[in-house]
Amino acid sequence: METRQYFGWRLTQRTDPNTVPLFVFYARAKDIHQWAGIRRIADFAEGTQRLLRPARQHAITRFLKADPVNTIPNSILVAFEPNRVAFTPLGEKIAACIPEVDFLNGCHDRLDWGFLEFSFESDEPEHLRAAVIVDGQHRLYGMADFAEEDLPILVVSLVDADIQEQAFQFIVINNKAVRVPTDNVKAIIADLDEDRLQARLLKAGVSYGEISPVLRDINDLESSPFQYLLKWPYNRDGTTLVPLTAIEQALRYMRSVFSFLEEDEDSLVAFFCAIWRAIKANYPDLWGIENTFMKKVNINALNEYIVERLKFAWELNLLDIFDSDSVERQVLSILELLPQIFWEADWSISIQDNANVRRMIKEDLTKLAENSRLRHQWNEDLELPVIGE
């Protein structure tokens, strides 16, 4: 059994006696990670958190690594259920020590300084820990994973909050978030060094201007199979082989199939990179050089073919698309049916970037997989390959 004490302030924001009080304090992210858990909606009927998405967690860690002055001033919100904590007020003692200071900031009837104390078992299941995270799970986990520093984070806690209060707060928080309009951003930075700010925002994974942080990540990340391969002015030192529009089109298709990725760019990038890491690993001799395989129309045809099959696997609960390792394994199993010789053969048409050619490639891929499963000649009834007599 372990015990924690945190110094901070207890605040009752409303006068209604049923108001759930708040306790606000700072603590180290790695420490909080030991006693704050997650009760996920997917696991429990009374859950108040969505699934942890590794890509979003890693994006927080990457944000911190991007620049040594990057900070996360936002708080996380946790909830202590009834009878889990004890609050000891210290207001009178503090007032006696500094009578000339209004340390309650004019909130004398609502606020009191003191410390919160609770105990917990270090091996408790996450959903039974001393507190559960209501908002900020990716923030906390990403900061806790940051090895270079043991970072403190501001914690707002609901004290004696039942499941219904936790659910209410989660729903309110996640339905009130609004993105800052571009015009507002322009006004904010009007008198600042825009180039410097843009560079820092992109490093932090925040969109601004014409360079998307998603495309920047796909161009720059070591985990991206397209690292330094994109054909655009940003890629000054790499091999400019793959048109930027090929990647943009592939990402649009992924968003159209998995609409929930529209607002989750970190998971979108992780999903895209996992798919194409498997493709690169399966066809290493074709990767990164000028050939049929690396053409824009083929990249998009193969991307659509793979994504459509991953959608079926996901719908049948055979795949977690937020688990990159699982995605890579699934893609490799699909590619086993698509021999490399298909891409190396001469084709009966000129390679053009249009919907008709993309359709023909996808139809041949479907037939190619069927031939593999039925142990037929690989090129039987295919339209595109030209095989000499």
Protein backbone atom coordinates (compact mmCIF):
# COMPACT_ATOMS: atom_id res chain seq x y z
CA MET A 1 0.00 0.00 0.00
CA GLU A 2 1.34 3.41 -1.00
CA THR A 3 0.23 6.84 0.21
CA ARG A 4 0.32 10.22 -1.51
CA GLN A 5 -0.09 13.74 -0.15
CA TYR A 6 -0.41 16.73 -2.46
CA PHE A 7 -0.49 20.37 -1.43
CA GLY A 8 -2.90 22.59 -3.32
CA TRP A 9 -6.25 24.28 -2.99
CA ARG A 10 -9.79 23.02 -2.65
CA LEU A 11 -12.37 25.05 -4.55
CA THR A 12 -16.16 24.88 -4.52
CA GLN A 13 -17.10 26.76 -7.66
CA ARG A 14 -20.88 26.92 -7.16
CA THR A 15 -22.98 27.65 -4.05
CA ASP A 16 -25.32 24.69 -4.50
CA PRO A 17 -24.55 22.14 -1.75
CA ASN A 18 -24.50 19.30 -4.30
CA THR A 19 -21.62 20.88 -6.22
CA VAL A 20 -18.66 18.53 -6.62
CA PRO A 21 -15.58 20.30 -5.19
CA LEU A 22 -12.29 20.61 -7.06
CA PHE A 23 -8.77 20.13 -5.78
CA VAL A 24 -6.02 21.69 -7.89
CA PHE A 25 -2.33 20.83 -7.62
CA TYR A 26 0.90 20.12 -9.51
CA ALA A 27 2.59 16.71 -9.63
CA ARG A 28 5.03 14.79 -11.81
CA ALA A 29 3.47 13.03 -14.79
CA LYS A 30 5.36 9.80 -14.07
CA ASP A 31 4.07 9.86 -10.49
CA ILE A 32 0.45 10.47 -11.51
CA HIS A 33 0.73 7.62 -14.01
CA GLN A 34 1.18 5.23 -11.06
CA TRP A 35 -2.17 5.98 -9.39
CA ALA A 36 -4.44 7.45 -12.08
CA GLY A 37 -6.07 4.95 -14.41
CA ILE A 38 -8.56 4.86 -17.26
CA ARG A 39 -12.04 3.41 -17.28
CA ARG A 40 -12.60 2.97 -20.99
CA ILE A 41 -15.99 3.02 -22.69
CA ALA A 42 -15.06 -0.03 -24.74
CA ASP A 43 -14.35 -2.09 -21.62
CA PHE A 44 -16.99 -0.92 -19.14
CA ALA A 45 -20.58 0.24 -19.48
CA GLU A 46 -19.84 3.04 -17.03
CA GLY A 47 -16.59 4.01 -18.76
CA THR A 48 -15.83 7.68 -19.35
CA GLN A 49 -12.81 7.55 -21.65
CA ARG A 50 -12.18 6.54 -25.23
CA LEU A 51 -9.51 4.05 -26.23
CA LEU A 52 -5.96 5.24 -25.77
CA ARG A 53 -4.54 5.89 -29.22
CA PRO A 54 -0.79 5.27 -29.27
CA ALA A 55 -0.27 7.69 -32.18
CA ARG A 56 -1.74 10.58 -30.17
CA GLN A 57 0.29 9.59 -27.11
CA HIS A 58 3.49 9.46 -29.16
CA ALA A 59 2.63 12.81 -30.75
CA ILE A 60 2.73 14.41 -27.28
CA THR A 61 6.17 12.92 -26.61
CA ARG A 62 7.34 14.02 -30.07
CA PHE A 63 6.02 17.53 -29.39
CA LEU A 64 8.17 17.72 -26.25
CA LYS A 65 11.23 16.39 -28.08
CA ALA A 66 10.75 18.82 -30.98
CA ASP A 67 11.97 21.85 -29.01
CA PRO A 68 13.41 22.10 -25.47
CA VAL A 69 11.18 25.09 -24.72
CA ASN A 70 7.88 23.42 -25.71
CA THR A 71 5.54 23.17 -22.74
CA ILE A 72 2.06 21.82 -22.08
CA PRO A 73 0.29 24.34 -19.83
CA ASN A 74 -3.08 22.59 -20.09
CA SER A 75 -4.25 20.68 -17.05
CA ILE A 76 -5.53 17.13 -16.96
CA LEU A 77 -8.81 16.31 -15.27
CA VAL A 78 -9.01 13.33 -12.91
CA ALA A 79 -11.80 12.14 -10.65
CA PHE A 80 -11.63 10.65 -7.18
CA GLU A 81 -14.74 8.65 -6.40
CA PRO A 82 -16.51 9.09 -3.04
CA ASN A 83 -14.55 8.11 0.06
CA ARG A 84 -11.20 7.73 -1.70
CA VAL A 85 -9.45 10.89 -0.44
CA ALA A 86 -9.22 13.08 2.65
CA PHE A 87 -8.68 16.85 2.59
CA THR A 88 -6.90 18.61 5.44
CA PRO A 89 -7.39 22.41 5.40
CA LEU A 90 -4.45 24.64 6.27
CA GLY A 91 -6.04 28.03 5.65
CA GLU A 92 -5.97 29.21 9.25
CA LYS A 93 -2.30 28.28 9.68
CA ILE A 94 -1.33 30.02 6.45
CA ALA A 95 -3.32 33.13 7.40
CA ALA A 96 -1.51 33.31 10.73
CA CYS A 97 1.86 33.22 8.96
CA ILE A 98 1.09 35.84 6.28
CA PRO A 99 -1.83 37.94 7.56
CA GLU A 100 -1.02 40.80 5.20
CA VAL A 101 -1.59 38.66 2.05
CA ASP A 102 -4.94 37.62 0.62
CA PHE A 103 -3.83 34.13 -0.34
CA LEU A 104 -7.46 33.23 -1.18
CA ASN A 105 -7.62 35.79 -4.01
CA GLY A 106 -10.98 37.12 -2.91
CA CYS A 107 -12.60 33.65 -2.84
CA HIS A 108 -12.84 33.38 0.94
CA ASP A 109 -16.13 31.47 1.00
CA ARG A 110 -15.15 29.06 -1.79
CA LEU A 111 -11.44 28.24 -1.50
CA ASP A 112 -9.11 26.77 1.09
CA TRP A 113 -5.48 25.71 0.89
CA GLY A 114 -4.48 22.35 2.28
CA PHE A 115 -3.41 18.88 1.26
CA LEU A 116 -5.16 15.89 -0.25
CA GLU A 117 -4.22 12.42 0.97
CA PHE A 118 -5.06 8.96 -0.34
CA SER A 119 -3.69 5.43 -0.48
CA PHE A 120 -3.54 2.92 -3.30
CA GLU A 121 -2.20 -0.49 -4.28
CA SER A 122 0.53 -0.23 -6.90
CA ASP A 123 -0.75 -3.29 -8.80
CA GLU A 124 -4.41 -2.28 -8.94
CA PRO A 125 -6.15 -2.66 -12.35
CA GLU A 126 -6.39 0.66 -14.15
CA HIS A 127 -10.14 1.05 -13.74
CA LEU A 128 -9.87 0.51 -9.96
CA ARG A 129 -7.06 2.95 -9.24
CA ALA A 130 -7.29 5.82 -6.77
CA ALA A 131 -8.40 8.19 -9.52
CA VAL A 132 -9.56 7.86 -13.11
CA ILE A 133 -8.62 10.23 -15.92
CA VAL A 134 -11.62 12.12 -17.28
CA ASP A 135 -9.72 14.30 -19.76
CA GLY A 136 -6.08 14.36 -20.87
CA GLN A 137 -5.06 10.69 -21.03
CA HIS A 138 -2.86 11.20 -24.10
CA ARG A 139 -1.28 14.28 -22.52
CA LEU A 140 -0.44 12.40 -19.32
CA TYR A 141 0.83 9.24 -20.98
CA GLY A 142 2.86 11.17 -23.54
CA MET A 143 4.49 13.30 -20.84
CA ALA A 144 5.15 10.25 -18.67
CA ASP A 145 6.90 8.59 -21.65
CA PHE A 146 9.21 11.58 -22.16
CA ALA A 147 12.48 10.10 -20.90
CA GLU A 148 14.60 13.25 -20.94
CA GLU A 149 12.74 14.99 -18.08
CA ASP A 150 10.39 14.13 -15.22
CA LEU A 151 7.79 16.73 -16.11
CA PRO A 152 5.27 18.29 -13.73
CA ILE A 153 1.71 18.81 -14.91
CA LEU A 154 -1.23 20.76 -13.53
CA VAL A 155 -4.00 18.52 -12.21
CA VAL A 156 -7.60 19.54 -11.65
CA SER A 157 -9.35 16.82 -9.69
CA LEU A 158 -13.01 16.18 -8.99
CA VAL A 159 -13.35 15.15 -5.35
CA ASP A 160 -16.05 12.65 -4.36
CA ALA A 161 -17.29 12.47 -7.96
CA ASP A 162 -19.56 9.58 -8.86
CA ILE A 163 -19.71 7.93 -12.29
CA GLN A 164 -22.50 10.19 -13.49
CA GLU A 165 -20.51 13.35 -12.71
CA GLN A 166 -17.46 11.91 -14.49
CA ALA A 167 -19.54 11.10 -17.58
CA PHE A 168 -21.11 14.56 -17.57
CA GLN A 169 -17.73 16.31 -17.44
CA PHE A 170 -16.29 14.09 -20.17
CA ILE A 171 -19.19 14.80 -22.53
CA VAL A 172 -19.15 18.56 -21.88
CA ILE A 173 -15.39 18.84 -22.42
CA ASN A 174 -15.39 16.83 -25.64
CA ASN A 175 -18.36 18.64 -27.14
CA LYS A 176 -17.13 22.16 -26.45
CA ALA A 177 -13.75 22.01 -28.19
CA VAL A 178 -13.54 24.45 -31.13
CA ARG A 179 -10.62 24.89 -33.50
CA VAL A 180 -9.21 28.37 -33.84
CA PRO A 181 -10.20 29.84 -37.25
CA THR A 182 -7.32 30.63 -39.62
CA ASP A 183 -8.20 34.34 -39.65
CA ASN A 184 -7.92 34.46 -35.87
CA VAL A 185 -4.50 32.82 -36.03
CA LYS A 186 -3.37 35.38 -38.62
CA ALA A 187 -4.48 38.20 -36.32
CA ILE A 188 -2.66 36.68 -33.35
CA ILE A 189 0.68 36.48 -35.14
CA ALA A 190 0.42 39.74 -37.09
CA ASP A 191 3.33 41.38 -35.29
CA LEU A 192 5.45 38.26 -34.75
CA ASP A 193 8.20 36.49 -36.70
CA GLU A 194 5.86 34.38 -38.84
CA ASP A 195 8.53 32.16 -40.43
CA ARG A 196 10.03 31.30 -37.07
CA LEU A 197 6.61 30.61 -35.58
CA GLN A 198 5.57 28.48 -38.54
CA ALA A 199 8.73 26.38 -38.24
CA ARG A 200 8.11 25.82 -34.54
CA LEU A 201 4.43 24.97 -35.08
CA LEU A 202 5.27 22.43 -37.77
CA LYS A 203 7.90 20.81 -35.55
CA ALA A 204 5.23 20.56 -32.89
CA GLY A 205 2.78 18.97 -35.33
CA VAL A 206 0.44 21.96 -35.59
CA SER A 207 -0.98 23.03 -38.95
CA TYR A 208 -0.22 26.53 -40.19
CA GLY A 209 0.13 27.93 -43.69
CA GLU A 210 0.56 25.78 -46.80
CA ILE A 211 2.81 23.12 -45.28
CA SER A 212 0.75 20.46 -43.53
CA PRO A 213 2.27 18.85 -40.42
CA VAL A 214 0.86 15.53 -41.68
CA LEU A 215 2.85 15.76 -44.91
CA ARG A 216 5.85 17.03 -43.01
CA ASP A 217 5.70 13.98 -40.72
CA ILE A 218 5.42 11.59 -43.66
CA ASN A 219 8.43 13.29 -45.24
CA ASP A 220 10.54 13.54 -42.07
CA LEU A 221 9.72 10.76 -39.60
CA GLU A 222 12.09 7.80 -39.37
CA SER A 223 9.01 5.58 -39.05
CA SER A 224 7.76 6.78 -42.44
CA PRO A 225 8.66 4.64 -45.47
CA PHE A 226 8.42 7.83 -47.56
CA GLN A 227 11.08 9.63 -45.53
CA TYR A 228 12.76 12.21 -47.80
CA LEU A 229 11.00 10.84 -50.91
CA LEU A 230 8.29 13.44 -51.42
CA LYS A 231 8.46 15.74 -54.42
CA TRP A 232 7.89 19.24 -52.98
CA PRO A 233 9.97 22.33 -52.14
CA TYR A 234 10.11 21.41 -48.44
CA ASN A 235 12.20 18.32 -49.27
CA ARG A 236 15.41 20.12 -50.22
CA ASP A 237 17.95 17.36 -49.61
CA GLY A 238 16.08 14.10 -50.23
CA THR A 239 15.16 12.07 -53.32
CA THR A 240 12.18 13.87 -54.79
CA LEU A 241 10.46 10.84 -56.30
CA VAL A 242 6.84 10.65 -55.09
CA PRO A 243 4.43 13.45 -56.03
CA LEU A 244 2.93 15.19 -53.04
CA THR A 245 -0.51 14.75 -54.59
CA ALA A 246 -0.10 10.96 -54.42
CA ILE A 247 0.20 11.11 -50.64
CA GLU A 248 -2.57 13.69 -50.29
CA GLN A 249 -4.92 11.52 -52.36
CA ALA A 250 -4.04 8.41 -50.36
CA LEU A 251 -4.74 10.22 -47.09
CA ARG A 252 -8.06 11.54 -48.40
CA TYR A 253 -9.12 8.02 -49.27
CA MET A 254 -8.21 6.76 -45.80
CA ARG A 255 -10.27 9.55 -44.25
CA SER A 256 -13.22 8.70 -46.50
CA VAL A 257 -13.15 5.05 -45.41
CA PHE A 258 -12.37 5.67 -41.74
CA SER A 259 -14.17 8.97 -41.16
CA PHE A 260 -13.11 9.17 -37.50
CA LEU A 261 -9.54 9.78 -38.66
CA GLU A 262 -10.64 13.15 -40.04
CA GLU A 263 -10.05 14.80 -36.67
CA ASP A 264 -7.20 12.56 -35.52
CA GLU A 265 -4.20 13.36 -37.68
CA ASP A 266 -1.70 11.59 -35.41
CA SER A 267 -3.53 8.27 -35.79
CA LEU A 268 -3.97 8.93 -39.52
CA VAL A 269 -0.20 9.31 -39.97
CA ALA A 270 0.50 6.21 -37.87
CA PHE A 271 -2.05 4.19 -39.87
CA PHE A 272 -0.69 5.38 -43.21
CA CYS A 273 2.92 4.69 -42.23
CA ALA A 274 2.10 1.23 -40.86
CA ILE A 275 0.45 0.24 -44.15
CA TRP A 276 3.29 1.50 -46.30
CA ARG A 277 6.05 0.15 -44.03
CA ALA A 278 4.59 -3.30 -44.69
CA ILE A 279 4.43 -2.58 -48.42
CA LYS A 280 8.04 -1.38 -48.46
CA ALA A 281 9.15 -4.45 -46.46
CA ASN A 282 7.34 -6.78 -48.87
CA TYR A 283 8.80 -5.16 -52.02
CA PRO A 284 12.24 -3.88 -50.93
CA ASP A 285 13.73 -4.22 -54.43
CA LEU A 286 11.08 -1.91 -55.89
CA TRP A 287 11.10 0.74 -53.21
CA GLY A 288 12.44 4.25 -53.65
CA ILE A 289 13.49 4.03 -57.30
CA GLU A 290 11.90 5.16 -60.56
CA ASN A 291 9.63 2.34 -61.74
CA THR A 292 5.99 1.36 -62.31
CA PHE A 293 5.51 0.49 -58.67
CA MET A 294 6.36 3.99 -57.41
CA LYS A 295 4.05 5.81 -59.85
CA LYS A 296 1.30 7.96 -58.39
CA VAL A 297 -1.56 5.99 -59.97
CA ASN A 298 -0.21 2.73 -58.60
CA ILE A 299 0.41 4.14 -55.13
CA ASN A 300 -3.21 5.21 -54.95
CA ALA A 301 -4.61 2.02 -56.50
CA LEU A 302 -2.65 -0.16 -54.07
CA ASN A 303 -3.53 2.13 -51.17
CA GLU A 304 -7.26 1.84 -51.96
CA TYR A 305 -7.02 -1.93 -52.43
CA ILE A 306 -5.32 -2.39 -49.05
CA VAL A 307 -7.51 0.07 -47.13
CA GLU A 308 -10.71 -1.55 -48.42
CA ARG A 309 -9.57 -4.91 -47.08
CA LEU A 310 -8.49 -3.45 -43.77
CA LYS A 311 -11.97 -1.93 -43.45
CA PHE A 312 -13.51 -5.42 -43.73
CA ALA A 313 -11.09 -6.77 -41.10
CA TRP A 314 -11.86 -3.86 -38.80
CA GLU A 315 -15.62 -4.27 -39.19
CA LEU A 316 -15.29 -7.96 -38.28
CA ASN A 317 -13.28 -7.01 -35.18
CA LEU A 318 -10.22 -8.78 -36.57
CA LEU A 319 -8.06 -5.65 -36.59
CA ASP A 320 -7.32 -2.67 -34.35
CA ILE A 321 -6.33 0.06 -36.78
CA PHE A 322 -4.77 2.04 -33.92
CA ASP A 323 -2.28 -0.80 -33.32
CA SER A 324 0.46 -0.26 -35.90
CA ASP A 325 2.01 -3.71 -35.41
CA SER A 326 -1.37 -5.34 -36.01
CA VAL A 327 -1.91 -3.22 -39.13
CA GLU A 328 1.51 -4.18 -40.53
CA ARG A 329 0.86 -7.90 -39.97
CA GLN A 330 -2.53 -7.66 -41.66
CA VAL A 331 -1.11 -5.82 -44.66
CA LEU A 332 1.71 -8.34 -45.05
CA SER A 333 -0.86 -11.16 -45.11
CA ILE A 334 -2.68 -9.35 -47.93
CA LEU A 335 0.54 -8.76 -49.88
CA GLU A 336 1.53 -12.44 -49.71
CA LEU A 337 -1.03 -12.98 -52.48
CA LEU A 338 0.44 -10.26 -54.72
CA PRO A 339 3.73 -11.50 -56.23
CA GLN A 340 6.36 -8.94 -57.13
CA ILE A 341 6.50 -10.09 -60.73
CA PHE A 342 3.19 -8.29 -61.36
CA TRP A 343 4.91 -4.91 -60.87
CA GLU A 344 8.00 -5.89 -62.84
CA ALA A 345 6.18 -7.10 -65.96
CA ASP A 346 5.55 -4.87 -68.96
CA TRP A 347 2.00 -3.56 -68.99
CA SER A 348 -0.37 -3.39 -71.92
CA ILE A 349 -1.17 0.28 -71.34
CA SER A 350 0.80 3.42 -70.71
CA ILE A 351 0.85 4.40 -67.05
CA GLN A 352 -1.41 7.41 -66.67
CA ASP A 353 -2.79 8.95 -63.54
CA ASN A 354 -6.51 8.60 -64.05
CA ALA A 355 -9.47 6.78 -62.52
CA ASN A 356 -9.66 4.21 -65.33
CA VAL A 357 -6.07 3.03 -64.91
CA ARG A 358 -6.52 2.97 -61.14
CA ARG A 359 -9.62 0.80 -61.60
CA MET A 360 -7.74 -1.62 -63.89
CA ILE A 361 -4.91 -1.98 -61.37
CA LYS A 362 -7.33 -2.72 -58.54
CA GLU A 363 -9.22 -5.28 -60.65
CA ASP A 364 -5.96 -7.02 -61.54
CA LEU A 365 -4.90 -7.04 -57.88
CA THR A 366 -8.17 -8.73 -56.96
CA LYS A 367 -7.67 -11.34 -59.69
CA LEU A 368 -3.99 -11.75 -58.77
CA ALA A 369 -4.97 -12.60 -55.17
CA GLU A 370 -7.59 -15.03 -56.44
CA ASN A 371 -5.01 -16.75 -58.65
CA SER A 372 -2.66 -17.10 -55.70
CA ARG A 373 -5.35 -18.65 -53.51
CA LEU A 374 -6.47 -21.06 -56.24
CA ARG A 375 -2.85 -21.87 -57.19
CA HIS A 376 -3.43 -20.77 -60.78
CA GLN A 377 -0.83 -19.22 -63.04
CA TRP A 378 -0.18 -15.80 -61.48
CA ASN A 379 -1.10 -13.86 -64.64
CA GLU A 380 -4.22 -15.83 -65.59
CA ASP A 381 -6.98 -13.48 -66.84
CA LEU A 382 -5.06 -10.34 -65.88
CA GLU A 383 -5.50 -7.28 -68.11
CA LEU A 384 -2.30 -5.35 -67.51
CA PRO A 385 0.79 -7.62 -67.65
CA VAL A 386 2.22 -8.49 -71.06
CA ILE A 387 3.96 -11.86 -70.89
CA GLY A 388 6.09 -12.95 -73.82
CA GLU A 389 5.46 -16.20 -75.62
